Amino acid sequence: MLGVSVVPTVLVGNKADLEIGREVTTEEGQKLAEDLRCSFKELSVAEAVLAVEAAVIQLIRMVLDQQRPLPDRRSYMLTVRHALTRKLTRSKTMQW
């Protein structure tokens, strides 16, 4: 699809430590993330700074993965061709 870009997204639900007074259930958050085709993290900022850090690191990794250039299809096909050629050549010269 030309002209379409994918924006790395992580849906983060806060206040995982509170069951009473929640406005969105974990299941609703997971369903929304599934509908949006993104990751879902539920955490409590007040209790787990490391969980916030993990969510941010996941998002950064997604952005970096997206920015990494895809391998050239032609060079990949040549690599496969050379590997198959070597394999076939070796199998022809091997004596059973």
PDB file of N, CA and C in Angstrom:
ATOM      1  N   MET A   1       0.836  -1.164   0.000  1.00  0.00           N
ATOM      2  CA  MET A   1       0.000   0.000   0.000  1.00  0.00           C
ATOM      3  C   MET A   1       0.890   1.239   0.000  1.00  0.00           C
ATOM      4  N   LEU A   2       0.916   1.926  -1.098  1.00  0.00           N
ATOM      5  CA  LEU A   2       1.736   3.111  -1.221  1.00  0.00           C
ATOM      6  C   LEU A   2       1.139   4.267  -0.445  1.00  0.00           C
ATOM      7  N   GLY A   3       2.004   5.055   0.157  1.00  0.00           N
ATOM      8  CA  GLY A   3       1.553   6.242   0.851  1.00  0.00           C
ATOM      9  C   GLY A   3       0.958   5.991   2.222  1.00  0.00           C
ATOM     10  N   VAL A   4       0.950   4.746   2.664  1.00  0.00           N
ATOM     11  CA  VAL A   4       0.390   4.434   3.975  1.00  0.00           C
ATOM     12  C   VAL A   4       1.546   4.165   4.931  1.00  0.00           C
ATOM     13  N   SER A   5       1.554   4.864   6.055  1.00  0.00           N
ATOM     14  CA  SER A   5       2.598   4.615   7.040  1.00  0.00           C
ATOM     15  C   SER A   5       1.965   4.084   8.319  1.00  0.00           C
ATOM     16  N   VAL A   6       2.734   3.294   9.016  1.00  0.00           N
ATOM     17  CA  VAL A   6       2.270   2.713  10.266  1.00  0.00           C
ATOM     18  C   VAL A   6       2.944   3.462  11.407  1.00  0.00           C
ATOM     19  N   VAL A   7       2.155   3.932  12.339  1.00  0.00           N
ATOM     20  CA  VAL A   7       2.688   4.643  13.493  1.00  0.00           C
ATOM     21  C   VAL A   7       2.764   3.662  14.656  1.00  0.00           C
ATOM     22  N   PRO A   8       3.974   3.412  15.192  1.00  0.00           N
ATOM     23  CA  PRO A   8       4.077   2.518  16.338  1.00  0.00           C
ATOM     24  C   PRO A   8       3.237   3.053  17.496  1.00  0.00           C
ATOM     25  N   THR A   9       2.417   2.181  18.077  1.00  0.00           N
ATOM     26  CA  THR A   9       1.498   2.611  19.125  1.00  0.00           C
ATOM     27  C   THR A   9       1.457   1.588  20.254  1.00  0.00           C
ATOM     28  N   VAL A  10       1.455   2.083  21.472  1.00  0.00           N
ATOM     29  CA  VAL A  10       1.245   1.252  22.651  1.00  0.00           C
ATOM     30  C   VAL A  10       0.127   1.902  23.450  1.00  0.00           C
ATOM     31  N   LEU A  11      -0.939   1.160  23.704  1.00  0.00           N
ATOM     32  CA  LEU A  11      -2.045   1.649  24.526  1.00  0.00           C
ATOM     33  C   LEU A  11      -1.703   1.341  25.980  1.00  0.00           C
ATOM     34  N   VAL A  12      -1.650   2.373  26.814  1.00  0.00           N
ATOM     35  CA  VAL A  12      -1.263   2.209  28.214  1.00  0.00           C
ATOM     36  C   VAL A  12      -2.450   2.541  29.104  1.00  0.00           C
ATOM     37  N   GLY A  13      -2.839   1.581  29.933  1.00  0.00           N
ATOM     38  CA  GLY A  13      -3.894   1.804  30.921  1.00  0.00           C
ATOM     39  C   GLY A  13      -3.261   2.074  32.273  1.00  0.00           C
ATOM     40  N   ASN A  14      -3.601   3.182  32.895  1.00  0.00           N
ATOM     41  CA  ASN A  14      -3.046   3.559  34.188  1.00  0.00           C
ATOM     42  C   ASN A  14      -3.991   3.113  35.306  1.00  0.00           C
ATOM     43  N   LYS A  15      -3.471   3.106  36.511  1.00  0.00           N
ATOM     44  CA  LYS A  15      -4.223   2.772  37.727  1.00  0.00           C
ATOM     45  C   LYS A  15      -4.594   1.288  37.781  1.00  0.00           C
ATOM     46  N   ALA A  16      -3.669   0.444  37.371  1.00  0.00           N
ATOM     47  CA  ALA A  16      -3.899  -1.003  37.420  1.00  0.00           C
ATOM     48  C   ALA A  16      -4.110  -1.484  38.850  1.00  0.00           C
ATOM     49  N   ASP A  17      -3.667  -0.688  39.821  1.00  0.00           N
ATOM     50  CA  ASP A  17      -3.785  -1.070  41.224  1.00  0.00           C
ATOM     51  C   ASP A  17      -5.186  -0.844  41.790  1.00  0.00           C
ATOM     52  N   LEU A  18      -6.042  -0.136  41.058  1.00  0.00           N
ATOM     53  CA  LEU A  18      -7.377   0.184  41.560  1.00  0.00           C
ATOM     54  C   LEU A  18      -8.441  -0.660  40.864  1.00  0.00           C
ATOM     55  N   GLU A  19      -9.182  -1.434  41.626  1.00  0.00           N
ATOM     56  CA  GLU A  19     -10.292  -2.189  41.058  1.00  0.00           C
ATOM     57  C   GLU A  19     -11.586  -1.398  41.202  1.00  0.00           C
ATOM     58  N   ILE A  20     -11.734  -0.722  42.321  1.00  0.00           N
ATOM     59  CA  ILE A  20     -12.932   0.089  42.547  1.00  0.00           C
ATOM     60  C   ILE A  20     -12.714   1.448  41.880  1.00  0.00           C
ATOM     61  N   GLY A  21     -13.704   1.900  41.171  1.00  0.00           N
ATOM     62  CA  GLY A  21     -13.610   3.208  40.534  1.00  0.00           C
ATOM     63  C   GLY A  21     -12.984   3.181  39.149  1.00  0.00           C
ATOM     64  N   ARG A  22     -12.703   1.989  38.655  1.00  0.00           N
ATOM     65  CA  ARG A  22     -12.145   1.885  37.299  1.00  0.00           C
ATOM     66  C   ARG A  22     -13.198   2.295  36.289  1.00  0.00           C
ATOM     67  N   GLU A  23     -12.757   2.935  35.246  1.00  0.00           N
ATOM     68  CA  GLU A  23     -13.684   3.303  34.175  1.00  0.00           C
ATOM     69  C   GLU A  23     -13.560   2.367  32.984  1.00  0.00           C
ATOM     70  N   VAL A  24     -12.420   1.698  32.875  1.00  0.00           N
ATOM     71  CA  VAL A  24     -12.175   0.769  31.767  1.00  0.00           C
ATOM     72  C   VAL A  24     -11.588  -0.512  32.354  1.00  0.00           C
ATOM     73  N   THR A  25     -12.155  -1.644  31.997  1.00  0.00           N
ATOM     74  CA  THR A  25     -11.623  -2.921  32.481  1.00  0.00           C
ATOM     75  C   THR A  25     -10.397  -3.314  31.663  1.00  0.00           C
ATOM     76  N   THR A  26      -9.630  -4.243  32.227  1.00  0.00           N
ATOM     77  CA  THR A  26      -8.468  -4.768  31.502  1.00  0.00           C
ATOM     78  C   THR A  26      -8.906  -5.368  30.175  1.00  0.00           C
ATOM     79  N   GLU A  27     -10.002  -6.099  30.190  1.00  0.00           N
ATOM     80  CA  GLU A  27     -10.502  -6.740  28.971  1.00  0.00           C
ATOM     81  C   GLU A  27     -10.865  -5.704  27.909  1.00  0.00           C
ATOM     82  N   GLU A  28     -11.484  -4.592  28.339  1.00  0.00           N
ATOM     83  CA  GLU A  28     -11.831  -3.528  27.384  1.00  0.00           C
ATOM     84  C   GLU A  28     -10.570  -2.907  26.787  1.00  0.00           C
ATOM     85  N   GLY A  29      -9.555  -2.731  27.613  1.00  0.00           N
ATOM     86  CA  GLY A  29      -8.284  -2.193  27.121  1.00  0.00           C
ATOM     87  C   GLY A  29      -7.630  -3.130  26.124  1.00  0.00           C
ATOM     88  N   GLN A  30      -7.635  -4.425  26.442  1.00  0.00           N
ATOM     89  CA  GLN A  30      -7.061  -5.418  25.533  1.00  0.00           C
ATOM     90  C   GLN A  30      -7.822  -5.464  24.214  1.00  0.00           C
ATOM     91  N   LYS A  31      -9.135  -5.391  24.293  1.00  0.00           N
ATOM     92  CA  LYS A  31      -9.965  -5.418  23.077  1.00  0.00           C
ATOM     93  C   LYS A  31      -9.697  -4.192  22.215  1.00  0.00           C
ATOM     94  N   LEU A  32      -9.601  -3.016  22.847  1.00  0.00           N
ATOM     95  CA  LEU A  32      -9.316  -1.797  22.097  1.00  0.00           C
ATOM     96  C   LEU A  32      -7.949  -1.884  21.429  1.00  0.00           C
ATOM     97  N   ALA A  33      -6.957  -2.379  22.157  1.00  0.00           N
ATOM     98  CA  ALA A  33      -5.620  -2.534  21.582  1.00  0.00           C
ATOM     99  C   ALA A  33      -5.651  -3.499  20.399  1.00  0.00           C
ATOM    100  N   GLU A  34      -6.424  -4.570  20.533  1.00  0.00           N
ATOM    101  CA  GLU A  34      -6.573  -5.529  19.431  1.00  0.00           C
ATOM    102  C   GLU A  34      -7.225  -4.854  18.221  1.00  0.00           C
ATOM    103  N   ASP A  35      -8.273  -4.076  18.477  1.00  0.00           N
ATOM    104  CA  ASP A  35      -8.955  -3.362  17.390  1.00  0.00           C
ATOM    105  C   ASP A  35      -8.033  -2.350  16.710  1.00  0.00           C
ATOM    106  N   LEU A  36      -7.181  -1.711  17.509  1.00  0.00           N
ATOM    107  CA  LEU A  36      -6.245  -0.712  16.974  1.00  0.00           C
ATOM    108  C   LEU A  36      -4.974  -1.350  16.426  1.00  0.00           C
ATOM    109  N   ARG A  37      -4.841  -2.658  16.641  1.00  0.00           N
ATOM    110  CA  ARG A  37      -3.649  -3.409  16.219  1.00  0.00           C
ATOM    111  C   ARG A  37      -2.383  -2.823  16.839  1.00  0.00           C
ATOM    112  N   CYS A  38      -2.433  -2.685  18.151  1.00  0.00           N
ATOM    113  CA  CYS A  38      -1.273  -2.165  18.867  1.00  0.00           C
ATOM    114  C   CYS A  38      -1.070  -2.974  20.147  1.00  0.00           C
ATOM    115  N   SER A  39       0.025  -2.706  20.820  1.00  0.00           N
ATOM    116  CA  SER A  39       0.319  -3.374  22.086  1.00  0.00           C
ATOM    117  C   SER A  39      -0.505  -2.758  23.205  1.00  0.00           C
ATOM    118  N   PHE A  40      -0.676  -3.525  24.283  1.00  0.00           N
ATOM    119  CA  PHE A  40      -1.418  -3.032  25.444  1.00  0.00           C
ATOM    120  C   PHE A  40      -0.601  -3.286  26.692  1.00  0.00           C
ATOM    121  N   LYS A  41      -0.426  -2.261  27.496  1.00  0.00           N
ATOM    122  CA  LYS A  41       0.245  -2.371  28.794  1.00  0.00           C
ATOM    123  C   LYS A  41      -0.673  -1.766  29.835  1.00  0.00           C
ATOM    124  N   GLU A  42      -0.812  -2.461  30.940  1.00  0.00           N
ATOM    125  CA  GLU A  42      -1.584  -1.910  32.045  1.00  0.00           C
ATOM    126  C   GLU A  42      -0.636  -1.779  33.228  1.00  0.00           C
ATOM    127  N   LEU A  43      -0.646  -0.625  33.867  1.00  0.00           N
ATOM    128  CA  LEU A  43       0.298  -0.372  34.940  1.00  0.00           C
ATOM    129  C   LEU A  43      -0.259   0.646  35.914  1.00  0.00           C
ATOM    130  N   SER A  44       0.487   0.854  36.966  1.00  0.00           N
ATOM    131  CA  SER A  44       0.153   1.891  37.931  1.00  0.00           C
ATOM    132  C   SER A  44       1.367   2.790  38.058  1.00  0.00           C
ATOM    133  N   VAL A  45       1.254   3.994  37.564  1.00  0.00           N
ATOM    134  CA  VAL A  45       2.376   4.929  37.601  1.00  0.00           C
ATOM    135  C   VAL A  45       2.792   5.186  39.044  1.00  0.00           C
ATOM    136  N   ALA A  46       1.823   5.258  39.946  1.00  0.00           N
ATOM    137  CA  ALA A  46       2.125   5.546  41.348  1.00  0.00           C
ATOM    138  C   ALA A  46       2.942   4.433  42.004  1.00  0.00           C
ATOM    139  N   GLU A  47       2.754   3.200  41.563  1.00  0.00           N
ATOM    140  CA  GLU A  47       3.406   2.067  42.218  1.00  0.00           C
ATOM    141  C   GLU A  47       4.584   1.489  41.452  1.00  0.00           C
ATOM    142  N   ALA A  48       4.622   1.665  40.147  1.00  0.00           N
ATOM    143  CA  ALA A  48       5.629   0.938  39.364  1.00  0.00           C
ATOM    144  C   ALA A  48       6.247   1.807  38.279  1.00  0.00           C
ATOM    145  N   VAL A  49       7.238   2.564  38.663  1.00  0.00           N
ATOM    146  CA  VAL A  49       7.939   3.398  37.690  1.00  0.00           C
ATOM    147  C   VAL A  49       8.619   2.522  36.641  1.00  0.00           C
ATOM    148  N   LEU A  50       9.081   1.341  37.046  1.00  0.00           N
ATOM    149  CA  LEU A  50       9.740   0.437  36.099  1.00  0.00           C
ATOM    150  C   LEU A  50       8.780  -0.041  35.017  1.00  0.00           C
ATOM    151  N   ALA A  51       7.504  -0.187  35.344  1.00  0.00           N
ATOM    152  CA  ALA A  51       6.517  -0.583  34.337  1.00  0.00           C
ATOM    153  C   ALA A  51       6.342   0.516  33.301  1.00  0.00           C
ATOM    154  N   VAL A  52       6.388   1.753  33.739  1.00  0.00           N
ATOM    155  CA  VAL A  52       6.308   2.883  32.807  1.00  0.00           C
ATOM    156  C   VAL A  52       7.534   2.870  31.904  1.00  0.00           C
ATOM    157  N   GLU A  53       8.685   2.657  32.508  1.00  0.00           N
ATOM    158  CA  GLU A  53       9.926   2.594  31.733  1.00  0.00           C
ATOM    159  C   GLU A  53       9.862   1.467  30.698  1.00  0.00           C
ATOM    160  N   ALA A  54       9.346   0.303  31.077  1.00  0.00           N
ATOM    161  CA  ALA A  54       9.241  -0.829  30.153  1.00  0.00           C
ATOM    162  C   ALA A  54       8.321  -0.499  28.986  1.00  0.00           C
ATOM    163  N   ALA A  55       7.213   0.190  29.255  1.00  0.00           N
ATOM    164  CA  ALA A  55       6.286   0.569  28.180  1.00  0.00           C
ATOM    165  C   ALA A  55       6.949   1.544  27.216  1.00  0.00           C
ATOM    166  N   VAL A  56       7.696   2.497  27.752  1.00  0.00           N
ATOM    167  CA  VAL A  56       8.385   3.474  26.901  1.00  0.00           C
ATOM    168  C   VAL A  56       9.480   2.790  26.088  1.00  0.00           C
ATOM    169  N   ILE A  57      10.211   1.890  26.709  1.00  0.00           N
ATOM    170  CA  ILE A  57      11.263   1.159  25.988  1.00  0.00           C
ATOM    171  C   ILE A  57      10.660   0.324  24.866  1.00  0.00           C
ATOM    172  N   GLN A  58       9.520  -0.313  25.113  1.00  0.00           N
ATOM    173  CA  GLN A  58       8.853  -1.088  24.062  1.00  0.00           C
ATOM    174  C   GLN A  58       8.495  -0.191  22.887  1.00  0.00           C
ATOM    175  N   LEU A  59       7.973   0.983  23.168  1.00  0.00           N
ATOM    176  CA  LEU A  59       7.600   1.916  22.108  1.00  0.00           C
ATOM    177  C   LEU A  59       8.829   2.381  21.338  1.00  0.00           C
ATOM    178  N   ILE A  60       9.907   2.665  22.038  1.00  0.00           N
ATOM    179  CA  ILE A  60      11.146   3.088  21.372  1.00  0.00           C
ATOM    180  C   ILE A  60      11.657   1.984  20.457  1.00  0.00           C
ATOM    181  N   ARG A  61      11.616   0.740  20.928  1.00  0.00           N
ATOM    182  CA  ARG A  61      12.061  -0.387  20.087  1.00  0.00           C
ATOM    183  C   ARG A  61      11.206  -0.511  18.829  1.00  0.00           C
ATOM    184  N   MET A  62       9.905  -0.300  18.976  1.00  0.00           N
ATOM    185  CA  MET A  62       9.015  -0.375  17.817  1.00  0.00           C
ATOM    186  C   MET A  62       9.363   0.709  16.802  1.00  0.00           C
ATOM    187  N   VAL A  63       9.646   1.908  17.283  1.00  0.00           N
ATOM    188  CA  VAL A  63      10.019   3.009  16.388  1.00  0.00           C
ATOM    189  C   VAL A  63      11.336   2.693  15.694  1.00  0.00           C
ATOM    190  N   LEU A  64      12.320   2.213  16.443  1.00  0.00           N
ATOM    191  CA  LEU A  64      13.620   1.885  15.848  1.00  0.00           C
ATOM    192  C   LEU A  64      13.498   0.761  14.826  1.00  0.00           C
ATOM    193  N   ASP A  65      12.689  -0.255  15.132  1.00  0.00           N
ATOM    194  CA  ASP A  65      12.477  -1.349  14.176  1.00  0.00           C
ATOM    195  C   ASP A  65      11.844  -0.838  12.890  1.00  0.00           C
ATOM    196  N   GLN A  66      10.927   0.094  13.025  1.00  0.00           N
ATOM    197  CA  GLN A  66      10.263   0.642  11.839  1.00  0.00           C
ATOM    198  C   GLN A  66      11.232   1.475  10.998  1.00  0.00           C
ATOM    199  N   GLN A  67      12.176   2.139  11.639  1.00  0.00           N
ATOM    200  CA  GLN A  67      13.117   2.987  10.915  1.00  0.00           C
ATOM    201  C   GLN A  67      14.225   2.190  10.243  1.00  0.00           C
ATOM    202  N   ARG A  68      14.445   0.955  10.705  1.00  0.00           N
ATOM    203  CA  ARG A  68      15.484   0.111  10.125  1.00  0.00           C
ATOM    204  C   ARG A  68      15.122  -0.212   8.680  1.00  0.00           C
ATOM    205  N   PRO A  69      16.045  -0.002   7.744  1.00  0.00           N
ATOM    206  CA  PRO A  69      15.702  -0.295   6.342  1.00  0.00           C
ATOM    207  C   PRO A  69      15.497  -1.794   6.131  1.00  0.00           C
ATOM    208  N   LEU A  70      14.519  -2.111   5.308  1.00  0.00           N
ATOM    209  CA  LEU A  70      14.274  -3.506   4.965  1.00  0.00           C
ATOM    210  C   LEU A  70      15.385  -3.999   4.057  1.00  0.00           C
ATOM    211  N   PRO A  71      15.786  -5.253   4.197  1.00  0.00           N
ATOM    212  CA  PRO A  71      16.830  -5.768   3.308  1.00  0.00           C
ATOM    213  C   PRO A  71      16.341  -5.765   1.863  1.00  0.00           C
ATOM    214  N   ASP A  72      17.264  -5.501   0.983  1.00  0.00           N
ATOM    215  CA  ASP A  72      16.938  -5.476  -0.438  1.00  0.00           C
ATOM    216  C   ASP A  72      16.496  -6.872  -0.863  1.00  0.00           C
ATOM    217  N   ARG A  73      15.322  -6.965  -1.453  1.00  0.00           N
ATOM    218  CA  ARG A  73      14.765  -8.262  -1.852  1.00  0.00           C
ATOM    219  C   ARG A  73      15.698  -8.981  -2.821  1.00  0.00           C
ATOM    220  N   ARG A  74      16.292  -8.237  -3.740  1.00  0.00           N
ATOM    221  CA  ARG A  74      17.177  -8.862  -4.721  1.00  0.00           C
ATOM    222  C   ARG A  74      18.393  -9.471  -4.034  1.00  0.00           C
ATOM    223  N   SER A  75      19.004  -8.738  -3.094  1.00  0.00           N
ATOM    224  CA  SER A  75      20.186  -9.273  -2.425  1.00  0.00           C
ATOM    225  C   SER A  75      19.821 -10.502  -1.590  1.00  0.00           C
ATOM    226  N   TYR A  76      18.624 -10.510  -1.004  1.00  0.00           N
ATOM    227  CA  TYR A  76      18.168 -11.670  -0.244  1.00  0.00           C
ATOM    228  C   TYR A  76      18.020 -12.872  -1.173  1.00  0.00           C
ATOM    229  N   MET A  77      17.420 -12.652  -2.337  1.00  0.00           N
ATOM    230  CA  MET A  77      17.227 -13.744  -3.290  1.00  0.00           C
ATOM    231  C   MET A  77      18.570 -14.279  -3.779  1.00  0.00           C
ATOM    232  N   LEU A  78      19.541 -13.396  -3.991  1.00  0.00           N
ATOM    233  CA  LEU A  78      20.869 -13.849  -4.402  1.00  0.00           C
ATOM    234  C   LEU A  78      21.523 -14.684  -3.305  1.00  0.00           C
ATOM    235  N   THR A  79      21.362 -14.282  -2.067  1.00  0.00           N
ATOM    236  CA  THR A  79      21.915 -15.037  -0.948  1.00  0.00           C
ATOM    237  C   THR A  79      21.305 -16.434  -0.895  1.00  0.00           C
ATOM    238  N   VAL A  80      20.002 -16.521  -1.059  1.00  0.00           N
ATOM    239  CA  VAL A  80      19.319 -17.819  -1.065  1.00  0.00           C
ATOM    240  C   VAL A  80      19.810 -18.658  -2.237  1.00  0.00           C
ATOM    241  N   ARG A  81      19.938 -18.034  -3.388  1.00  0.00           N
ATOM    242  CA  ARG A  81      20.391 -18.757  -4.586  1.00  0.00           C
ATOM    243  C   ARG A  81      21.787 -19.333  -4.372  1.00  0.00           C
ATOM    244  N   HIS A  82      22.700 -18.512  -3.825  1.00  0.00           N
ATOM    245  CA  HIS A  82      24.067 -18.989  -3.587  1.00  0.00           C
ATOM    246  C   HIS A  82      24.080 -20.130  -2.568  1.00  0.00           C
ATOM    247  N   ALA A  83      23.274 -20.015  -1.530  1.00  0.00           N
ATOM    248  CA  ALA A  83      23.221 -21.065  -0.511  1.00  0.00           C
ATOM    249  C   ALA A  83      22.704 -22.367  -1.112  1.00  0.00           C
ATOM    250  N   LEU A  84      21.666 -22.284  -1.923  1.00  0.00           N
ATOM    251  CA  LEU A  84      21.124 -23.488  -2.562  1.00  0.00           C
ATOM    252  C   LEU A  84      22.119 -24.081  -3.549  1.00  0.00           C
ATOM    253  N   THR A  85      22.802 -23.231  -4.294  1.00  0.00           N
ATOM    254  CA  THR A  85      23.800 -23.711  -5.252  1.00  0.00           C
ATOM    255  C   THR A  85      24.908 -24.458  -4.524  1.00  0.00           C
ATOM    256  N   ARG A  86      25.403 -23.883  -3.421  1.00  0.00           N
ATOM    257  CA  ARG A  86      26.456 -24.554  -2.645  1.00  0.00           C
ATOM    258  C   ARG A  86      25.957 -25.895  -2.108  1.00  0.00           C
ATOM    259  N   LYS A  87      24.741 -25.911  -1.616  1.00  0.00           N
ATOM    260  CA  LYS A  87      24.172 -27.141  -1.051  1.00  0.00           C
ATOM    261  C   LYS A  87      24.043 -28.216  -2.127  1.00  0.00           C
ATOM    262  N   LEU A  88      23.521 -27.844  -3.290  1.00  0.00           N
ATOM    263  CA  LEU A  88      23.349 -28.808  -4.377  1.00  0.00           C
ATOM    264  C   LEU A  88      24.687 -29.283  -4.911  1.00  0.00           C
ATOM    265  N   THR A  89      25.658 -28.393  -5.007  1.00  0.00           N
ATOM    266  CA  THR A  89      26.983 -28.768  -5.500  1.00  0.00           C
ATOM    267  C   THR A  89      27.633 -29.755  -4.543  1.00  0.00           C
ATOM    268  N   ARG A  90      27.528 -29.492  -3.248  1.00  0.00           N
ATOM    269  CA  ARG A  90      28.101 -30.401  -2.264  1.00  0.00           C
ATOM    270  C   ARG A  90      27.416 -31.762  -2.297  1.00  0.00           C
ATOM    271  N   SER A  91      26.110 -31.784  -2.461  1.00  0.00           N
ATOM    272  CA  SER A  91      25.403 -33.065  -2.434  1.00  0.00           C
ATOM    273  C   SER A  91      25.725 -33.899  -3.670  1.00  0.00           C
ATOM    274  N   LYS A  92      26.043 -33.251  -4.795  1.00  0.00           N
ATOM    275  CA  LYS A  92      26.403 -33.998  -6.006  1.00  0.00           C
ATOM    276  C   LYS A  92      27.793 -34.613  -5.877  1.00  0.00           C
ATOM    277  N   THR A  93      28.691 -33.927  -5.157  1.00  0.00           N
ATOM    278  CA  THR A  93      30.061 -34.424  -5.044  1.00  0.00           C
ATOM    279  C   THR A  93      30.226 -35.420  -3.906  1.00  0.00           C
ATOM    280  N   MET A  94      29.261 -35.486  -3.012  1.00  0.00           N
ATOM    281  CA  MET A  94      29.359 -36.413  -1.882  1.00  0.00           C
ATOM    282  C   MET A  94      29.059 -37.834  -2.351  1.00  0.00           C
ATOM    283  N   GLN A  95      29.839 -38.761  -1.848  1.00  0.00           N
ATOM    284  CA  GLN A  95      29.604 -40.159  -2.176  1.00  0.00           C
ATOM    285  C   GLN A  95      28.912 -40.823  -1.001  1.00  0.00           C
ATOM    286  N   TRP A  96      27.889 -41.538  -1.271  1.00  0.00           N
ATOM    287  CA  TRP A  96      27.112 -42.189  -0.211  1.00  0.00           C
ATOM    288  C   TRP A  96      27.556 -43.581  -0.046  1.00  0.00           C
TER     289      TRP A  96
END
